Amino acid sequence: MSISVGGIDLAGSIVDAQYRIAVLEKIVEHLINRVAPGALTPADIKRYQDEALADLQKKYPGAGIKRT
């Protein structure tokens, strides 16, 4: 039996999110292997991480989401 909060199946949502992340990771790895060296820099990755964190903090302002 899965836990539901506000009509959201938490277990199903977690599995779905993990699946989607795994697919995206594979796509990104595939693309990185086919672009010119330096096309994606560590600074780019840091910027995307910061943007994603800010998006989550905006979406869930009361959750206290922080980078660990």
Protein backbone atom coordinates (compact mmCIF):
# COMPACT_ATOMS: atom_id res chain seq x y z
CA MET A 1 0.00 0.00 0.00
CA SER A 2 1.46 3.33 -0.95
CA ILE A 3 1.26 6.59 0.91
CA SER A 4 -0.92 9.28 -0.58
CA VAL A 5 -0.77 12.95 0.39
CA GLY A 6 -3.32 15.34 -1.02
CA GLY A 7 -4.28 12.75 -3.62
CA ILE A 8 -0.66 12.31 -4.74
CA ASP A 9 0.72 8.76 -4.71
CA LEU A 10 4.15 9.41 -3.20
CA ALA A 11 5.70 6.03 -3.99
CA GLY A 12 4.51 6.13 -7.59
CA SER A 13 5.71 9.71 -7.96
CA ILE A 14 9.17 8.81 -6.65
CA VAL A 15 9.52 5.87 -9.03
CA ASP A 16 8.31 8.02 -11.93
CA ALA A 17 10.78 10.80 -11.03
CA GLN A 18 13.67 8.31 -10.77
CA TYR A 19 12.76 6.84 -14.15
CA ARG A 20 12.61 10.25 -15.78
CA ILE A 21 15.94 11.29 -14.24
CA ALA A 22 17.58 8.06 -15.42
CA VAL A 23 16.33 8.65 -18.98
CA LEU A 24 17.57 12.25 -18.94
CA GLU A 25 20.97 11.18 -17.58
CA LYS A 26 21.36 8.73 -20.43
CA ILE A 27 20.35 11.35 -22.99
CA VAL A 28 22.79 13.89 -21.53
CA GLU A 29 25.64 11.35 -21.51
CA HIS A 30 24.86 10.50 -25.13
CA LEU A 31 24.86 14.18 -26.14
CA ILE A 32 28.03 15.00 -24.20
CA ASN A 33 29.86 12.21 -25.99
CA ARG A 34 28.92 13.76 -29.33
CA VAL A 35 29.61 17.46 -28.85
CA ALA A 36 32.87 19.32 -29.21
CA PRO A 37 35.15 19.28 -26.17
CA GLY A 38 34.45 22.25 -23.94
CA ALA A 39 30.89 22.68 -25.20
CA LEU A 40 29.67 21.99 -21.67
CA THR A 41 31.93 23.45 -19.02
CA PRO A 42 31.96 22.94 -15.25
CA ALA A 43 30.69 26.54 -15.00
CA ASP A 44 27.71 25.59 -17.20
CA ILE A 45 26.90 22.62 -14.98
CA LYS A 46 27.16 24.78 -11.83
CA ARG A 47 24.82 27.35 -13.41
CA TYR A 48 22.25 24.66 -14.27
CA GLN A 49 22.47 23.26 -10.74
CA ASP A 50 21.94 26.73 -9.26
CA GLU A 51 18.99 27.38 -11.58
CA ALA A 52 17.39 24.02 -10.74
CA LEU A 53 17.81 24.66 -7.01
CA ALA A 54 16.28 28.13 -7.33
CA ASP A 55 13.35 26.68 -9.30
CA LEU A 56 12.68 24.10 -6.56
CA GLN A 57 12.99 26.72 -3.82
CA LYS A 58 10.47 28.89 -5.67
CA LYS A 59 8.10 25.96 -6.26
CA TYR A 60 8.30 24.79 -2.62
CA PRO A 61 9.08 27.95 -0.61
CA GLY A 62 8.15 26.43 2.75
CA ALA A 63 10.27 23.31 2.34
CA GLY A 64 13.61 24.86 3.28
CA ILE A 65 15.35 23.26 0.31
CA LYS A 66 19.12 23.79 0.40
CA ARG A 67 22.14 22.27 -1.27
CA THR A 68 23.98 19.77 0.92
